[in-house]
PDB file of N, CA and C in Angstrom:
ATOM      1  N   MET A   1      -3.081  -6.321  11.301  1.00  0.00           N
ATOM      2  CA  MET A   1      -2.069  -6.936  10.468  1.00  0.00           C
ATOM      3  C   MET A   1      -1.055  -5.876  10.067  1.00  0.00           C
ATOM      4  N   ALA A   2       0.200  -6.225  10.094  1.00  0.00           N
ATOM      5  CA  ALA A   2       1.257  -5.295   9.707  1.00  0.00           C
ATOM      6  C   ALA A   2       1.854  -5.738   8.378  1.00  0.00           C
ATOM      7  N   TRP A   3       1.951  -4.807   7.472  1.00  0.00           N
ATOM      8  CA  TRP A   3       2.561  -5.089   6.185  1.00  0.00           C
ATOM      9  C   TRP A   3       3.958  -4.518   6.170  1.00  0.00           C
ATOM     10  N   LYS A   4       4.798  -5.023   5.268  1.00  0.00           N
ATOM     11  CA  LYS A   4       6.160  -4.515   5.141  1.00  0.00           C
ATOM     12  C   LYS A   4       6.372  -4.002   3.721  1.00  0.00           C
ATOM     13  N   ALA A   5       7.439  -3.258   3.532  1.00  0.00           N
ATOM     14  CA  ALA A   5       7.749  -2.694   2.219  1.00  0.00           C
ATOM     15  C   ALA A   5       7.809  -3.808   1.170  1.00  0.00           C
ATOM     16  N   GLY A   6       7.145  -3.570   0.044  1.00  0.00           N
ATOM     17  CA  GLY A   6       7.121  -4.539  -1.048  1.00  0.00           C
ATOM     18  C   GLY A   6       5.880  -5.404  -1.083  1.00  0.00           C
ATOM     19  N   ASP A   7       5.071  -5.382  -0.023  1.00  0.00           N
ATOM     20  CA  ASP A   7       3.850  -6.183   0.014  1.00  0.00           C
ATOM     21  C   ASP A   7       2.777  -5.576  -0.892  1.00  0.00           C
ATOM     22  N   THR A   8       2.056  -6.436  -1.590  1.00  0.00           N
ATOM     23  CA  THR A   8       0.930  -6.014  -2.410  1.00  0.00           C
ATOM     24  C   THR A   8      -0.302  -5.893  -1.525  1.00  0.00           C
ATOM     25  N   VAL A   9      -1.044  -4.794  -1.677  1.00  0.00           N
ATOM     26  CA  VAL A   9      -2.246  -4.556  -0.876  1.00  0.00           C
ATOM     27  C   VAL A   9      -3.356  -3.995  -1.762  1.00  0.00           C
ATOM     28  N   ILE A  10      -4.572  -4.084  -1.261  1.00  0.00           N
ATOM     29  CA  ILE A  10      -5.727  -3.452  -1.901  1.00  0.00           C
ATOM     30  C   ILE A  10      -6.052  -2.195  -1.099  1.00  0.00           C
ATOM     31  N   VAL A  11      -6.070  -1.054  -1.773  1.00  0.00           N
ATOM     32  CA  VAL A  11      -6.412   0.217  -1.141  1.00  0.00           C
ATOM     33  C   VAL A  11      -7.810   0.603  -1.589  1.00  0.00           C
ATOM     34  N   THR A  12      -8.681   0.884  -0.626  1.00  0.00           N
ATOM     35  CA  THR A  12     -10.032   1.346  -0.926  1.00  0.00           C
ATOM     36  C   THR A  12     -10.053   2.853  -0.720  1.00  0.00           C
ATOM     37  N   GLN A  13     -10.438   3.545  -1.793  1.00  0.00           N
ATOM     38  CA  GLN A  13     -10.504   5.009  -1.749  1.00  0.00           C
ATOM     39  C   GLN A  13     -11.882   5.433  -2.216  1.00  0.00           C
ATOM     40  N   GLU A  14     -12.667   5.952  -1.283  1.00  0.00           N
ATOM     41  CA  GLU A  14     -14.025   6.400  -1.579  1.00  0.00           C
ATOM     42  C   GLU A  14     -14.828   5.328  -2.324  1.00  0.00           C
ATOM     43  N   GLY A  15     -14.713   4.084  -1.866  1.00  0.00           N
ATOM     44  CA  GLY A  15     -15.478   2.978  -2.421  1.00  0.00           C
ATOM     45  C   GLY A  15     -14.864   2.301  -3.631  1.00  0.00           C
ATOM     46  N   VAL A  16     -13.739   2.802  -4.138  1.00  0.00           N
ATOM     47  CA  VAL A  16     -13.078   2.209  -5.303  1.00  0.00           C
ATOM     48  C   VAL A  16     -11.841   1.463  -4.819  1.00  0.00           C
ATOM     49  N   ASN A  17     -11.688   0.204  -5.257  1.00  0.00           N
ATOM     50  CA  ASN A  17     -10.553  -0.623  -4.848  1.00  0.00           C
ATOM     51  C   ASN A  17      -9.448  -0.557  -5.894  1.00  0.00           C
ATOM     52  N   ARG A  18      -8.202  -0.390  -5.392  1.00  0.00           N
ATOM     53  CA  ARG A  18      -7.036  -0.321  -6.275  1.00  0.00           C
ATOM     54  C   ARG A  18      -5.925  -1.187  -5.704  1.00  0.00           C
ATOM     55  N   VAL A  19      -5.106  -1.733  -6.596  1.00  0.00           N
ATOM     56  CA  VAL A  19      -3.961  -2.542  -6.182  1.00  0.00           C
ATOM     57  C   VAL A  19      -2.752  -1.624  -6.028  1.00  0.00           C
ATOM     58  N   GLY A  20      -1.987  -1.860  -4.975  1.00  0.00           N
ATOM     59  CA  GLY A  20      -0.793  -1.055  -4.740  1.00  0.00           C
ATOM     60  C   GLY A  20       0.273  -1.850  -4.030  1.00  0.00           C
ATOM     61  N   VAL A  21       1.398  -1.203  -3.799  1.00  0.00           N
ATOM     62  CA  VAL A  21       2.514  -1.841  -3.101  1.00  0.00           C
ATOM     63  C   VAL A  21       2.954  -0.903  -1.971  1.00  0.00           C
ATOM     64  N   ILE A  22       3.281  -1.500  -0.824  1.00  0.00           N
ATOM     65  CA  ILE A  22       3.749  -0.736   0.330  1.00  0.00           C
ATOM     66  C   ILE A  22       5.166  -0.252   0.054  1.00  0.00           C
ATOM     67  N   LEU A  23       5.392   1.062   0.222  1.00  0.00           N
ATOM     68  CA  LEU A  23       6.729   1.627   0.063  1.00  0.00           C
ATOM     69  C   LEU A  23       7.440   1.775   1.402  1.00  0.00           C
ATOM     70  N   ASP A  24       6.694   2.136   2.428  1.00  0.00           N
ATOM     71  CA  ASP A  24       7.299   2.406   3.729  1.00  0.00           C
ATOM     72  C   ASP A  24       6.231   2.305   4.809  1.00  0.00           C
ATOM     73  N   LYS A  25       6.672   2.019   6.019  1.00  0.00           N
ATOM     74  CA  LYS A  25       5.787   1.960   7.179  1.00  0.00           C
ATOM     75  C   LYS A  25       6.365   2.883   8.240  1.00  0.00           C
ATOM     76  N   PHE A  26       5.498   3.623   8.931  1.00  0.00           N
ATOM     77  CA  PHE A  26       5.944   4.506   9.991  1.00  0.00           C
ATOM     78  C   PHE A  26       4.853   4.638  11.036  1.00  0.00           C
ATOM     79  N   GLN A  27       5.189   5.207  12.165  1.00  0.00           N
ATOM     80  CA  GLN A  27       4.253   5.353  13.274  1.00  0.00           C
ATOM     81  C   GLN A  27       3.850   6.810  13.443  1.00  0.00           C
ATOM     82  N   VAL A  28       2.556   7.055  13.634  1.00  0.00           N
ATOM     83  CA  VAL A  28       2.025   8.375  13.948  1.00  0.00           C
ATOM     84  C   VAL A  28       1.047   8.193  15.098  1.00  0.00           C
ATOM     85  N   SER A  29       1.339   8.823  16.214  1.00  0.00           N
ATOM     86  CA  SER A  29       0.480   8.710  17.407  1.00  0.00           C
ATOM     87  C   SER A  29       0.149   7.257  17.729  1.00  0.00           C
ATOM     88  N   LYS A  30       1.159   6.415  17.748  1.00  0.00           N
ATOM     89  CA  LYS A  30       1.049   4.992  18.077  1.00  0.00           C
ATOM     90  C   LYS A  30       0.204   4.199  17.076  1.00  0.00           C
ATOM     91  N   GLN A  31      -0.005   4.748  15.895  1.00  0.00           N
ATOM     92  CA  GLN A  31      -0.769   4.059  14.862  1.00  0.00           C
ATOM     93  C   GLN A  31       0.145   3.795  13.658  1.00  0.00           C
ATOM     94  N   SER A  32       0.085   2.593  13.107  1.00  0.00           N
ATOM     95  CA  SER A  32       0.888   2.271  11.928  1.00  0.00           C
ATOM     96  C   SER A  32       0.305   2.942  10.700  1.00  0.00           C
ATOM     97  N   MET A  33       1.153   3.624   9.962  1.00  0.00           N
ATOM     98  CA  MET A  33       0.758   4.298   8.735  1.00  0.00           C
ATOM     99  C   MET A  33       1.681   3.807   7.617  1.00  0.00           C
ATOM    100  N   TYR A  34       1.216   3.927   6.380  1.00  0.00           N
ATOM    101  CA  TYR A  34       1.957   3.379   5.255  1.00  0.00           C
ATOM    102  C   TYR A  34       2.002   4.363   4.093  1.00  0.00           C
ATOM    103  N   ASP A  35       3.114   4.349   3.363  1.00  0.00           N
ATOM    104  CA  ASP A  35       3.202   5.002   2.066  1.00  0.00           C
ATOM    105  C   ASP A  35       2.911   3.917   1.046  1.00  0.00           C
ATOM    106  N   VAL A  36       1.982   4.179   0.135  1.00  0.00           N
ATOM    107  CA  VAL A  36       1.558   3.174  -0.843  1.00  0.00           C
ATOM    108  C   VAL A  36       1.644   3.758  -2.245  1.00  0.00           C
ATOM    109  N   LEU A  37       2.247   3.006  -3.166  1.00  0.00           N
ATOM    110  CA  LEU A  37       2.285   3.364  -4.577  1.00  0.00           C
ATOM    111  C   LEU A  37       1.244   2.516  -5.288  1.00  0.00           C
ATOM    112  N   LEU A  38       0.287   3.167  -5.942  1.00  0.00           N
ATOM    113  CA  LEU A  38      -0.785   2.449  -6.623  1.00  0.00           C
ATOM    114  C   LEU A  38      -0.399   2.096  -8.053  1.00  0.00           C
ATOM    115  N   GLU A  39      -1.130   1.161  -8.628  1.00  0.00           N
ATOM    116  CA  GLU A  39      -0.865   0.694  -9.990  1.00  0.00           C
ATOM    117  C   GLU A  39      -0.869   1.825 -11.014  1.00  0.00           C
ATOM    118  N   ASN A  40      -1.702   2.847 -10.812  1.00  0.00           N
ATOM    119  CA  ASN A  40      -1.744   3.952 -11.756  1.00  0.00           C
ATOM    120  C   ASN A  40      -0.615   4.946 -11.500  1.00  0.00           C
ATOM    121  N   ARG A  41       0.326   4.545 -10.656  1.00  0.00           N
ATOM    122  CA  ARG A  41       1.531   5.300 -10.312  1.00  0.00           C
ATOM    123  C   ARG A  41       1.267   6.542  -9.477  1.00  0.00           C
ATOM    124  N   SER A  42       0.084   6.639  -8.885  1.00  0.00           N
ATOM    125  CA  SER A  42      -0.135   7.693  -7.903  1.00  0.00           C
ATOM    126  C   SER A  42       0.257   7.117  -6.546  1.00  0.00           C
ATOM    127  N   ALA A  43       0.603   7.990  -5.628  1.00  0.00           N
ATOM    128  CA  ALA A  43       1.067   7.530  -4.323  1.00  0.00           C
ATOM    129  C   ALA A  43       0.269   8.208  -3.226  1.00  0.00           C
ATOM    130  N   PHE A  44       0.095   7.476  -2.131  1.00  0.00           N
ATOM    131  CA  PHE A  44      -0.586   7.999  -0.956  1.00  0.00           C
ATOM    132  C   PHE A  44       0.348   7.895   0.222  1.00  0.00           C
ATOM    133  N   THR A  45       0.295   8.864   1.060  1.00  0.00           N
ATOM    134  CA  THR A  45       1.022   8.776   2.316  1.00  0.00           C
ATOM    135  C   THR A  45       0.012   8.791   3.450  1.00  0.00           C
ATOM    136  N   MET A  46       0.406   8.183   4.542  1.00  0.00           N
ATOM    137  CA  MET A  46      -0.419   8.114   5.736  1.00  0.00           C
ATOM    138  C   MET A  46      -1.710   7.340   5.504  1.00  0.00           C
ATOM    139  N   VAL A  47      -1.656   6.308   4.731  1.00  0.00           N
ATOM    140  CA  VAL A  47      -2.784   5.395   4.567  1.00  0.00           C
ATOM    141  C   VAL A  47      -2.714   4.383   5.695  1.00  0.00           C
ATOM    142  N   ASN A  48      -3.827   4.158   6.382  1.00  0.00           N
ATOM    143  CA  ASN A  48      -3.824   3.139   7.426  1.00  0.00           C
ATOM    144  C   ASN A  48      -4.849   2.064   7.093  1.00  0.00           C
ATOM    145  N   SER A  49      -5.086   1.177   8.016  1.00  0.00           N
ATOM    146  CA  SER A  49      -5.984   0.065   7.740  1.00  0.00           C
ATOM    147  C   SER A  49      -7.319   0.215   8.452  1.00  0.00           C
ATOM    148  N   SER A  50      -7.682   1.424   8.815  1.00  0.00           N
ATOM    149  CA  SER A  50      -8.957   1.662   9.472  1.00  0.00           C
ATOM    150  C   SER A  50      -9.990   2.107   8.451  1.00  0.00           C
ATOM    151  N   SER A  51     -11.096   1.397   8.368  1.00  0.00           N
ATOM    152  CA  SER A  51     -12.134   1.738   7.398  1.00  0.00           C
ATOM    153  C   SER A  51     -12.910   2.994   7.800  1.00  0.00           C
ATOM    154  N   ASN A  52     -12.543   3.610   8.923  1.00  0.00           N
ATOM    155  CA  ASN A  52     -13.172   4.867   9.322  1.00  0.00           C
ATOM    156  C   ASN A  52     -12.700   6.020   8.443  1.00  0.00           C
ATOM    157  N   ASN A  53     -11.622   5.812   7.712  1.00  0.00           N
ATOM    158  CA  ASN A  53     -11.068   6.847   6.850  1.00  0.00           C
ATOM    159  C   ASN A  53     -11.564   6.666   5.424  1.00  0.00           C
ATOM    160  N   ARG A  54     -11.467   7.685   4.615  1.00  0.00           N
ATOM    161  CA  ARG A  54     -11.908   7.613   3.213  1.00  0.00           C
ATOM    162  C   ARG A  54     -10.946   6.793   2.366  1.00  0.00           C
ATOM    163  N   THR A  55      -9.685   6.756   2.746  1.00  0.00           N
ATOM    164  CA  THR A  55      -8.684   5.978   2.031  1.00  0.00           C
ATOM    165  C   THR A  55      -7.998   5.062   3.030  1.00  0.00           C
ATOM    166  N   TYR A  56      -8.048   3.755   2.785  1.00  0.00           N
ATOM    167  CA  TYR A  56      -7.477   2.802   3.739  1.00  0.00           C
ATOM    168  C   TYR A  56      -7.078   1.516   3.029  1.00  0.00           C
ATOM    169  N   ILE A  57      -6.199   0.759   3.685  1.00  0.00           N
ATOM    170  CA  ILE A  57      -5.833  -0.567   3.189  1.00  0.00           C
ATOM    171  C   ILE A  57      -6.953  -1.512   3.588  1.00  0.00           C
ATOM    172  N   ASN A  58      -7.552  -2.147   2.600  1.00  0.00           N
ATOM    173  CA  ASN A  58      -8.677  -3.040   2.834  1.00  0.00           C
ATOM    174  C   ASN A  58      -8.132  -4.406   3.266  1.00  0.00           C
ATOM    175  N   LYS A  59      -8.182  -4.670   4.567  1.00  0.00           N
ATOM    176  CA  LYS A  59      -7.616  -5.897   5.129  1.00  0.00           C
ATOM    177  C   LYS A  59      -8.255  -7.148   4.533  1.00  0.00           C
ATOM    178  N   ALA A  60      -9.578  -7.154   4.454  1.00  0.00           N
ATOM    179  CA  ALA A  60     -10.286  -8.349   3.987  1.00  0.00           C
ATOM    180  C   ALA A  60      -9.935  -8.677   2.540  1.00  0.00           C
ATOM    181  N   LEU A  61      -9.977  -7.680   1.665  1.00  0.00           N
ATOM    182  CA  LEU A  61      -9.649  -7.928   0.255  1.00  0.00           C
ATOM    183  C   LEU A  61      -8.174  -8.263   0.073  1.00  0.00           C
ATOM    184  N   THR A  62      -7.310  -7.613   0.837  1.00  0.00           N
ATOM    185  CA  THR A  62      -5.875  -7.919   0.737  1.00  0.00           C
ATOM    186  C   THR A  62      -5.619  -9.366   1.119  1.00  0.00           C
ATOM    187  N   LYS A  63      -6.240  -9.810   2.190  1.00  0.00           N
ATOM    188  CA  LYS A  63      -6.056 -11.200   2.629  1.00  0.00           C
ATOM    189  C   LYS A  63      -6.626 -12.162   1.590  1.00  0.00           C
ATOM    190  N   LEU A  64      -7.820 -11.856   1.095  1.00  0.00           N
ATOM    191  CA  LEU A  64      -8.488 -12.736   0.141  1.00  0.00           C
ATOM    192  C   LEU A  64      -7.761 -12.806  -1.201  1.00  0.00           C
ATOM    193  N   LEU A  65      -7.330 -11.661  -1.717  1.00  0.00           N
ATOM    194  CA  LEU A  65      -6.789 -11.615  -3.071  1.00  0.00           C
ATOM    195  C   LEU A  65      -5.265 -11.579  -3.153  1.00  0.00           C
ATOM    196  N   CYS A  66      -4.629 -10.794  -2.314  1.00  0.00           N
ATOM    197  CA  CYS A  66      -3.179 -10.622  -2.416  1.00  0.00           C
ATOM    198  C   CYS A  66      -2.410 -11.692  -1.657  1.00  0.00           C
ATOM    199  N   ASP A  67      -2.791 -11.939  -0.411  1.00  0.00           N
ATOM    200  CA  ASP A  67      -2.076 -12.922   0.397  1.00  0.00           C
ATOM    201  C   ASP A  67      -2.219 -14.327  -0.161  1.00  0.00           C
ATOM    202  N   SER A  68      -3.312 -14.584  -0.874  1.00  0.00           N
ATOM    203  CA  SER A  68      -3.515 -15.909  -1.469  1.00  0.00           C
ATOM    204  C   SER A  68      -2.802 -16.047  -2.808  1.00  0.00           C
ATOM    205  N   GLY A  69      -2.279 -14.926  -3.340  1.00  0.00           N
ATOM    206  CA  GLY A  69      -1.554 -14.972  -4.610  1.00  0.00           C
ATOM    207  C   GLY A  69      -2.426 -14.794  -5.834  1.00  0.00           C
ATOM    208  N   GLN A  70      -3.725 -14.532  -5.659  1.00  0.00           N
ATOM    209  CA  GLN A  70      -4.612 -14.348  -6.800  1.00  0.00           C
ATOM    210  C   GLN A  70      -4.326 -13.044  -7.546  1.00  0.00           C
ATOM    211  N   ILE A  71      -3.885 -12.021  -6.808  1.00  0.00           N
ATOM    212  CA  ILE A  71      -3.557 -10.733  -7.416  1.00  0.00           C
ATOM    213  C   ILE A  71      -2.154 -10.350  -6.981  1.00  0.00           C
ATOM    214  N   GLU A  72      -1.339  -9.919  -7.940  1.00  0.00           N
ATOM    215  CA  GLU A  72      -0.015  -9.389  -7.644  1.00  0.00           C
ATOM    216  C   GLU A  72       0.128  -8.069  -8.360  1.00  0.00           C
ATOM    217  N   THR A  73       0.869  -7.166  -7.754  1.00  0.00           N
ATOM    218  CA  THR A  73       1.066  -5.870  -8.373  1.00  0.00           C
ATOM    219  C   THR A  73       1.990  -5.970  -9.585  1.00  0.00           C
ATOM    220  N   THR A  74       1.791  -5.091 -10.537  1.00  0.00           N
ATOM    221  CA  THR A  74       2.680  -5.034 -11.701  1.00  0.00           C
ATOM    222  C   THR A  74       3.802  -4.030 -11.481  1.00  0.00           C
ATOM    223  N   ILE A  75       3.816  -3.402 -10.322  1.00  0.00           N
ATOM    224  CA  ILE A  75       4.866  -2.435 -10.000  1.00  0.00           C
ATOM    225  C   ILE A  75       6.153  -3.216  -9.720  1.00  0.00           C
ATOM    226  N   PRO A  76       7.223  -2.913 -10.431  1.00  0.00           N
ATOM    227  CA  PRO A  76       8.487  -3.653 -10.237  1.00  0.00           C
ATOM    228  C   PRO A  76       9.223  -3.154  -8.995  1.00  0.00           C
ATOM    229  N   TYR A  77       8.693  -3.471  -7.818  1.00  0.00           N
ATOM    230  CA  TYR A  77       9.222  -2.937  -6.565  1.00  0.00           C
ATOM    231  C   TYR A  77      10.712  -3.231  -6.393  1.00  0.00           C
ATOM    232  N   ASN A  78      11.120  -4.479  -6.561  1.00  0.00           N
ATOM    233  CA  ASN A  78      12.527  -4.842  -6.361  1.00  0.00           C
ATOM    234  C   ASN A  78      13.445  -4.104  -7.334  1.00  0.00           C
ATOM    235  N   GLU A  79      12.984  -3.917  -8.557  1.00  0.00           N
ATOM    236  CA  GLU A  79      13.768  -3.180  -9.556  1.00  0.00           C
ATOM    237  C   GLU A  79      13.884  -1.701  -9.160  1.00  0.00           C
ATOM    238  N   LEU A  80      12.808  -1.124  -8.676  1.00  0.00           N
ATOM    239  CA  LEU A  80      12.841   0.265  -8.225  1.00  0.00           C
ATOM    240  C   LEU A  80      13.800   0.444  -7.047  1.00  0.00           C
ATOM    241  N   VAL A  81      13.802  -0.502  -6.129  1.00  0.00           N
ATOM    242  CA  VAL A  81      14.719  -0.443  -4.986  1.00  0.00           C
ATOM    243  C   VAL A  81      16.155  -0.556  -5.468  1.00  0.00           C
ATOM    244  N   ALA A  82      16.423  -1.512  -6.354  1.00  0.00           N
ATOM    245  CA  ALA A  82      17.781  -1.728  -6.860  1.00  0.00           C
ATOM    246  C   ALA A  82      18.316  -0.496  -7.593  1.00  0.00           C
ATOM    247  N   ASN A  83      17.442   0.197  -8.302  1.00  0.00           N
ATOM    248  CA  ASN A  83      17.855   1.382  -9.060  1.00  0.00           C
ATOM    249  C   ASN A  83      17.704   2.675  -8.268  1.00  0.00           C
ATOM    250  N   GLU A  84      17.362   2.544  -6.981  1.00  0.00           N
ATOM    251  CA  GLU A  84      17.109   3.697  -6.121  1.00  0.00           C
ATOM    252  C   GLU A  84      16.132   4.663  -6.779  1.00  0.00           C
ATOM    253  N   ALA A  85      15.059   4.115  -7.335  1.00  0.00           N
ATOM    254  CA  ALA A  85      14.086   4.900  -8.084  1.00  0.00           C
ATOM    255  C   ALA A  85      12.710   4.956  -7.416  1.00  0.00           C
ATOM    256  N   LEU A  86      12.634   4.565  -6.144  1.00  0.00           N
ATOM    257  CA  LEU A  86      11.352   4.666  -5.444  1.00  0.00           C
ATOM    258  C   LEU A  86      10.985   6.127  -5.284  1.00  0.00           C
ATOM    259  N   PRO A  87       9.718   6.442  -5.467  1.00  0.00           N
ATOM    260  CA  PRO A  87       9.303   7.848  -5.280  1.00  0.00           C
ATOM    261  C   PRO A  87       9.365   8.231  -3.799  1.00  0.00           C
ATOM    262  N   ILE A  88       9.657   9.490  -3.557  1.00  0.00           N
ATOM    263  CA  ILE A  88       9.649  10.022  -2.197  1.00  0.00           C
ATOM    264  C   ILE A  88       8.231  10.524  -1.962  1.00  0.00           C
ATOM    265  N   VAL A  89       7.542   9.915  -1.008  1.00  0.00           N
ATOM    266  CA  VAL A  89       6.137  10.225  -0.803  1.00  0.00           C
ATOM    267  C   VAL A  89       5.949  11.236   0.308  1.00  0.00           C
ATOM    268  N   ARG A  90       6.571  10.979   1.470  1.00  0.00           N
ATOM    269  CA  ARG A  90       6.409  11.876   2.607  1.00  0.00           C
ATOM    270  C   ARG A  90       7.235  13.132   2.432  1.00  0.00           C
ATOM    271  N   ALA A  91       6.666  14.260   2.851  1.00  0.00           N
ATOM    272  CA  ALA A  91       7.401  15.529   2.767  1.00  0.00           C
ATOM    273  C   ALA A  91       8.204  15.755   4.030  1.00  0.00           C
TER     274      ALA A  91
END
């Protein structure tokens, strides 16, 4: 599944699930990677959707909770874009 900027996702990091929003999508070695801003305002770069990694976008929980509308992020993504206030994640 491919997400786009502004989509709400569940990120699993070392067994802990957090709500976040996609900031950007890019390709690394033919693999889709994402910059994600989490609810606690920390950001991750190069998060993918493979559970082989310690930090990944949890496809099942995102589909169950976010895509169905049960959970939405409190991050004002559209407001941040309008004010050009999105954090720069990638170096």
